């Protein structure tokens, strides 16, 4: 059922895809159920040999309708060897700051 609901990137995910591509970051969108980790679908995965994920949380859907916290999500993927960066919708308002978060995550994990 979830696959049918989310086949294409939403507007927020498209913004992050664009940011990733313009800056040559080594992440790929897989939120279309292209990748499952323990039965859950992350939003972005590293395209190099590192087990890194980016989860993009919408300010409304992940606060009002949240089924799990960002910490829960990161801990879940950690048990499969993945480090996870949580980015929020409001983080993308300042592209430079969002890029810095991603670069810091890549360097430190």
N, C-alpha and C. Protein backbone atom coordinates (compact mmCIF):
# COMPACT_ATOMS: atom_id res chain seq x y z
N UNK A 1 0.80 -1.19 0.00
CA UNK A 1 0.00 0.00 0.00
C UNK A 1 0.86 1.27 0.00
N UNK A 2 1.91 1.31 0.82
CA UNK A 2 2.77 2.48 0.88
C UNK A 2 3.47 2.74 -0.45
N UNK A 3 3.83 1.69 -1.16
CA UNK A 3 4.50 1.86 -2.44
C UNK A 3 3.62 2.66 -3.39
N UNK A 4 2.36 2.35 -3.43
CA UNK A 4 1.44 3.06 -4.30
C UNK A 4 1.28 4.52 -3.92
N UNK A 5 1.43 4.83 -2.66
CA UNK A 5 1.28 6.20 -2.19
C UNK A 5 2.50 7.07 -2.47
N UNK A 6 3.65 6.48 -2.71
CA UNK A 6 4.86 7.29 -2.79
C UNK A 6 5.78 6.74 -3.88
N UNK A 7 5.37 6.85 -5.10
CA UNK A 7 6.18 6.35 -6.22
C UNK A 7 7.19 7.38 -6.71
N UNK A 8 6.87 8.65 -6.58
CA UNK A 8 7.73 9.71 -7.08
C UNK A 8 8.15 10.61 -5.93
N UNK A 9 9.28 11.29 -6.11
CA UNK A 9 9.67 12.24 -5.06
C UNK A 9 8.65 13.38 -4.93
N UNK A 10 8.40 13.79 -3.71
CA UNK A 10 7.51 14.93 -3.49
C UNK A 10 8.30 16.23 -3.69
N UNK A 11 7.65 17.37 -3.56
CA UNK A 11 8.30 18.66 -3.82
C UNK A 11 9.51 18.87 -2.92
N UNK A 12 9.39 18.50 -1.67
CA UNK A 12 10.49 18.67 -0.73
C UNK A 12 11.68 17.78 -1.11
N UNK A 13 11.39 16.54 -1.44
CA UNK A 13 12.45 15.62 -1.87
C UNK A 13 13.10 16.10 -3.17
N UNK A 14 12.32 16.67 -4.07
CA UNK A 14 12.88 17.22 -5.31
C UNK A 14 13.85 18.36 -5.02
N UNK A 15 13.54 19.17 -4.02
CA UNK A 15 14.46 20.25 -3.63
C UNK A 15 15.78 19.69 -3.14
N UNK A 16 15.72 18.62 -2.34
CA UNK A 16 16.96 18.03 -1.85
C UNK A 16 17.71 17.31 -2.96
N UNK A 17 17.01 16.65 -3.85
CA UNK A 17 17.65 16.01 -5.01
C UNK A 17 18.41 17.07 -5.80
N UNK A 18 17.79 18.20 -6.05
CA UNK A 18 18.43 19.28 -6.79
C UNK A 18 19.67 19.78 -6.06
N UNK A 19 19.57 19.98 -4.77
CA UNK A 19 20.70 20.44 -3.97
C UNK A 19 21.85 19.44 -4.03
N UNK A 20 21.53 18.17 -3.91
CA UNK A 20 22.54 17.11 -3.97
C UNK A 20 23.24 17.10 -5.33
N UNK A 21 22.46 17.18 -6.39
CA UNK A 21 23.03 17.13 -7.74
C UNK A 21 23.87 18.36 -8.06
N UNK A 22 23.39 19.55 -7.69
CA UNK A 22 24.13 20.78 -7.98
C UNK A 22 25.46 20.84 -7.24
N UNK A 23 25.57 20.11 -6.14
CA UNK A 23 26.78 20.18 -5.32
C UNK A 23 27.60 18.90 -5.38
N UNK A 24 27.25 17.99 -6.26
CA UNK A 24 28.03 16.78 -6.45
C UNK A 24 28.12 15.89 -5.22
N UNK A 25 27.08 15.90 -4.40
CA UNK A 25 27.08 15.06 -3.21
C UNK A 25 26.79 13.61 -3.61
N UNK A 26 27.37 12.69 -2.90
CA UNK A 26 27.24 11.28 -3.26
C UNK A 26 26.07 10.62 -2.54
N UNK A 27 24.87 11.10 -2.87
CA UNK A 27 23.64 10.51 -2.34
C UNK A 27 22.65 10.36 -3.47
N UNK A 28 21.81 9.35 -3.35
CA UNK A 28 20.80 9.05 -4.37
C UNK A 28 19.45 8.89 -3.69
N UNK A 29 18.42 9.43 -4.32
CA UNK A 29 17.05 9.27 -3.83
C UNK A 29 16.62 7.81 -3.99
N UNK A 30 16.15 7.22 -2.91
CA UNK A 30 15.64 5.84 -2.94
C UNK A 30 14.31 5.74 -2.21
N UNK A 31 13.68 6.90 -1.98
CA UNK A 31 12.42 6.94 -1.25
C UNK A 31 11.23 6.41 -2.02
N UNK A 32 11.48 5.91 -3.22
CA UNK A 32 10.43 5.31 -4.05
C UNK A 32 10.37 3.80 -3.83
N UNK A 33 10.91 3.34 -2.73
CA UNK A 33 10.96 1.94 -2.34
C UNK A 33 11.98 1.14 -3.14
N UNK A 34 12.94 1.88 -3.73
CA UNK A 34 14.03 1.23 -4.46
C UNK A 34 14.95 0.47 -3.50
N UNK A 35 15.04 0.95 -2.26
CA UNK A 35 15.89 0.31 -1.25
C UNK A 35 15.07 0.12 0.02
N UNK A 36 15.16 -1.08 0.57
CA UNK A 36 14.56 -1.35 1.87
C UNK A 36 15.67 -1.75 2.83
N UNK A 37 15.60 -1.21 4.02
CA UNK A 37 16.55 -1.56 5.08
C UNK A 37 15.72 -2.09 6.23
N UNK A 38 15.77 -3.38 6.43
CA UNK A 38 14.97 -3.98 7.49
C UNK A 38 13.48 -3.74 7.33
N UNK A 39 13.02 -3.64 6.09
CA UNK A 39 11.61 -3.44 5.82
C UNK A 39 11.16 -1.99 5.78
N UNK A 40 12.09 -1.06 6.04
CA UNK A 40 11.76 0.36 5.98
C UNK A 40 12.48 1.00 4.80
N UNK A 41 11.88 2.03 4.26
CA UNK A 41 12.41 2.70 3.07
C UNK A 41 13.02 4.05 3.47
N UNK A 42 14.34 4.16 3.39
CA UNK A 42 14.96 5.47 3.65
C UNK A 42 14.74 6.40 2.46
N UNK A 43 15.02 7.68 2.65
CA UNK A 43 14.83 8.66 1.58
C UNK A 43 16.02 8.72 0.63
N UNK A 44 17.23 8.78 1.17
CA UNK A 44 18.45 8.90 0.37
C UNK A 44 19.52 7.98 0.93
N UNK A 45 20.34 7.41 0.04
CA UNK A 45 21.43 6.54 0.45
C UNK A 45 22.71 7.02 -0.20
N UNK A 46 23.82 6.83 0.48
CA UNK A 46 25.12 7.19 -0.06
C UNK A 46 25.43 6.30 -1.26
N UNK A 47 26.04 6.88 -2.28
CA UNK A 47 26.41 6.11 -3.47
C UNK A 47 27.86 5.66 -3.42
N UNK A 48 28.56 6.00 -2.34
CA UNK A 48 29.91 5.47 -2.19
C UNK A 48 29.83 4.23 -1.30
N UNK A 49 30.92 3.75 -0.80
CA UNK A 49 30.91 2.50 -0.04
C UNK A 49 30.54 2.67 1.43
N UNK A 50 30.12 3.87 1.81
CA UNK A 50 29.77 4.12 3.21
C UNK A 50 28.27 3.88 3.43
N UNK A 51 27.94 3.38 4.58
CA UNK A 51 26.53 3.10 4.90
C UNK A 51 25.94 4.33 5.59
N UNK A 52 25.54 5.28 4.74
CA UNK A 52 24.98 6.53 5.24
C UNK A 52 23.63 6.79 4.57
N UNK A 53 22.71 7.31 5.36
CA UNK A 53 21.37 7.63 4.88
C UNK A 53 21.05 9.07 5.24
N UNK A 54 20.19 9.67 4.43
CA UNK A 54 19.58 10.96 4.78
C UNK A 54 18.08 10.74 4.80
N UNK A 55 17.47 11.13 5.90
CA UNK A 55 16.02 11.10 6.04
C UNK A 55 15.55 12.54 6.04
N UNK A 56 14.59 12.85 5.19
CA UNK A 56 14.06 14.21 5.06
C UNK A 56 12.66 14.24 5.66
N UNK A 57 12.53 15.00 6.73
CA UNK A 57 11.26 15.06 7.45
C UNK A 57 10.55 16.37 7.15
N UNK A 58 9.30 16.26 6.73
CA UNK A 58 8.46 17.44 6.54
C UNK A 58 8.04 17.99 7.89
N UNK A 59 8.05 19.30 8.02
CA UNK A 59 7.74 19.93 9.31
C UNK A 59 6.34 19.57 9.81
N UNK A 60 5.37 19.47 8.92
CA UNK A 60 4.01 19.13 9.35
C UNK A 60 3.85 17.64 9.59
N UNK A 61 4.12 16.83 8.59
CA UNK A 61 3.82 15.41 8.67
C UNK A 61 4.62 14.68 9.73
N UNK A 62 5.81 15.14 10.00
CA UNK A 62 6.63 14.41 10.97
C UNK A 62 6.54 14.99 12.38
N UNK A 63 5.69 15.98 12.57
CA UNK A 63 5.44 16.44 13.92
C UNK A 63 4.01 16.13 14.33
N UNK A 64 3.06 16.47 13.47
CA UNK A 64 1.65 16.26 13.79
C UNK A 64 1.24 14.79 13.65
N UNK A 65 1.71 14.14 12.61
CA UNK A 65 1.27 12.79 12.31
C UNK A 65 2.38 11.75 12.51
N UNK A 66 3.37 12.07 13.28
CA UNK A 66 4.53 11.20 13.43
C UNK A 66 4.18 9.86 14.07
N UNK A 67 4.64 8.80 13.43
CA UNK A 67 4.50 7.46 13.99
C UNK A 67 5.76 7.08 14.76
N UNK A 68 6.88 7.72 14.38
CA UNK A 68 8.14 7.47 15.07
C UNK A 68 8.94 8.77 15.10
N UNK A 69 9.79 8.90 16.10
CA UNK A 69 10.61 10.10 16.21
C UNK A 69 11.82 9.98 15.27
N UNK A 70 12.47 11.09 14.98
CA UNK A 70 13.70 11.01 14.19
C UNK A 70 14.75 10.11 14.86
N UNK A 71 14.80 10.17 16.16
CA UNK A 71 15.75 9.33 16.90
C UNK A 71 15.42 7.85 16.75
N UNK A 72 14.12 7.53 16.78
CA UNK A 72 13.69 6.14 16.57
C UNK A 72 14.11 5.66 15.19
N UNK A 73 13.90 6.50 14.20
CA UNK A 73 14.21 6.13 12.81
C UNK A 73 15.71 5.89 12.65
N UNK A 74 16.53 6.80 13.17
CA UNK A 74 17.99 6.66 13.07
C UNK A 74 18.46 5.42 13.83
N UNK A 75 17.90 5.17 14.99
CA UNK A 75 18.28 3.98 15.78
C UNK A 75 17.90 2.70 15.04
N UNK A 76 16.77 2.71 14.38
CA UNK A 76 16.35 1.53 13.63
C UNK A 76 17.35 1.20 12.53
N UNK A 77 17.73 2.21 11.73
CA UNK A 77 18.69 1.97 10.66
C UNK A 77 20.08 1.64 11.19
N UNK A 78 20.42 2.14 12.38
CA UNK A 78 21.73 1.88 12.99
C UNK A 78 21.93 0.38 13.23
N UNK A 79 20.86 -0.32 13.59
CA UNK A 79 21.00 -1.75 13.86
C UNK A 79 21.38 -2.54 12.60
N UNK A 80 21.26 -1.89 11.42
CA UNK A 80 21.66 -2.51 10.16
C UNK A 80 22.98 -1.91 9.65
N UNK A 81 23.65 -1.14 10.52
CA UNK A 81 24.96 -0.59 10.19
C UNK A 81 24.95 0.76 9.50
N UNK A 82 23.80 1.43 9.42
CA UNK A 82 23.69 2.71 8.74
C UNK A 82 23.72 3.87 9.74
N UNK A 83 24.48 4.89 9.38
CA UNK A 83 24.41 6.17 10.09
C UNK A 83 23.38 7.02 9.34
N UNK A 84 22.59 7.77 10.07
CA UNK A 84 21.49 8.52 9.46
C UNK A 84 21.54 9.98 9.85
N UNK A 85 21.46 10.84 8.84
CA UNK A 85 21.31 12.27 9.04
C UNK A 85 19.84 12.61 8.86
N UNK A 86 19.29 13.28 9.84
CA UNK A 86 17.91 13.75 9.74
C UNK A 86 17.94 15.21 9.30
N UNK A 87 17.33 15.50 8.18
CA UNK A 87 17.13 16.88 7.74
C UNK A 87 15.64 17.18 7.81
N UNK A 88 15.33 18.38 8.25
CA UNK A 88 13.96 18.83 8.33
C UNK A 88 13.67 19.80 7.19
N UNK A 89 12.41 19.90 6.85
CA UNK A 89 11.97 20.81 5.80
C UNK A 89 12.53 22.21 6.02
N UNK A 90 12.47 22.69 7.25
CA UNK A 90 12.95 24.05 7.53
C UNK A 90 14.47 24.18 7.34
N UNK A 91 15.20 23.07 7.39
CA UNK A 91 16.65 23.11 7.14
C UNK A 91 16.94 23.53 5.70
N UNK A 92 16.06 23.18 4.77
CA UNK A 92 16.29 23.48 3.37
C UNK A 92 16.02 24.94 3.01
N UNK A 93 15.48 25.70 3.94
CA UNK A 93 15.27 27.13 3.69
C UNK A 93 16.61 27.86 3.56
N UNK A 94 17.62 27.35 4.24
CA UNK A 94 18.98 27.91 4.15
C UNK A 94 19.87 26.83 3.53
N UNK A 95 20.02 26.90 2.21
CA UNK A 95 20.75 25.85 1.49
C UNK A 95 22.18 25.69 2.00
N UNK A 96 22.85 26.80 2.28
CA UNK A 96 24.23 26.73 2.75
C UNK A 96 24.32 25.95 4.07
N UNK A 97 23.41 26.23 4.97
CA UNK A 97 23.39 25.52 6.25
C UNK A 97 23.08 24.04 6.05
N UNK A 98 22.13 23.73 5.14
CA UNK A 98 21.80 22.33 4.86
C UNK A 98 23.01 21.61 4.27
N UNK A 99 23.70 22.26 3.35
CA UNK A 99 24.92 21.67 2.77
C UNK A 99 25.96 21.42 3.84
N UNK A 100 26.14 22.38 4.73
CA UNK A 100 27.11 22.21 5.81
C UNK A 100 26.76 21.02 6.69
N UNK A 101 25.48 20.82 6.97
CA UNK A 101 25.06 19.66 7.77
C UNK A 101 25.41 18.36 7.04
N UNK A 102 25.15 18.33 5.74
CA UNK A 102 25.44 17.11 4.98
C UNK A 102 26.94 16.87 4.92
N UNK A 103 27.73 17.91 4.62
CA UNK A 103 29.18 17.73 4.55
C UNK A 103 29.76 17.30 5.89
N UNK A 104 29.27 17.88 6.97
CA UNK A 104 29.74 17.50 8.31
C UNK A 104 29.39 16.03 8.60
N UNK A 105 28.18 15.64 8.24
CA UNK A 105 27.75 14.25 8.42
C UNK A 105 28.66 13.30 7.65
N UNK A 106 28.94 13.63 6.39
CA UNK A 106 29.78 12.76 5.55
C UNK A 106 31.19 12.66 6.15
N UNK A 107 31.73 13.78 6.59
CA UNK A 107 33.10 13.79 7.15
C UNK A 107 33.20 13.03 8.47
N UNK A 108 32.17 13.09 9.28
CA UNK A 108 32.26 12.56 10.64
C UNK A 108 31.68 11.17 10.83
N UNK A 109 31.18 10.57 9.77
CA UNK A 109 30.57 9.24 9.93
C UNK A 109 31.18 8.28 8.94
